[in-house]
Amino acid sequence: MTLAEIANHAGALITAGLGVMAVVSPASAAAFTSMSPVGKLGVSEIRATYGGFFLALGAYAMWSQHEAAFAAAGIAWAGAALGRLVSVFADRSTEPKNLGGIAFEGAIAGLLLA
């Protein structure tokens, strides 16, 4: 296995792992993302969006071994980092957790796009 393939798998595993966390423990995912779900529907949204979506995205990349699957996941993470970067300027959101989120999401994108 090449270094790039190891990086791809690490990024996909992190993606899927975060998804598992959100499915199994939406309260932990909510705290991790600094969100507060409103009622049962909010908890369901965390399980679906941060859980099922991330789990499927990472798991499919690892299962299929298609470069396009790893690339799609990497582009999605890069999009999240870009969205946070926009927030830094548009919302003046320079809190350490937000800046760290840019680095975290950018790093996972880098792993998946390696």
Foldseek 3Di string as FASTA:
>chain_A
DDPLVVLLLVLLVVLLVQQCCLLVPVVVNCVLVVHDADPPVRSVCSNVPRHVVSNCLSVCCVVVVDLVSLLVQLVVLQVVLVVLVVCCPPVVPPDPSSVVSNVVSNSSSVSSND
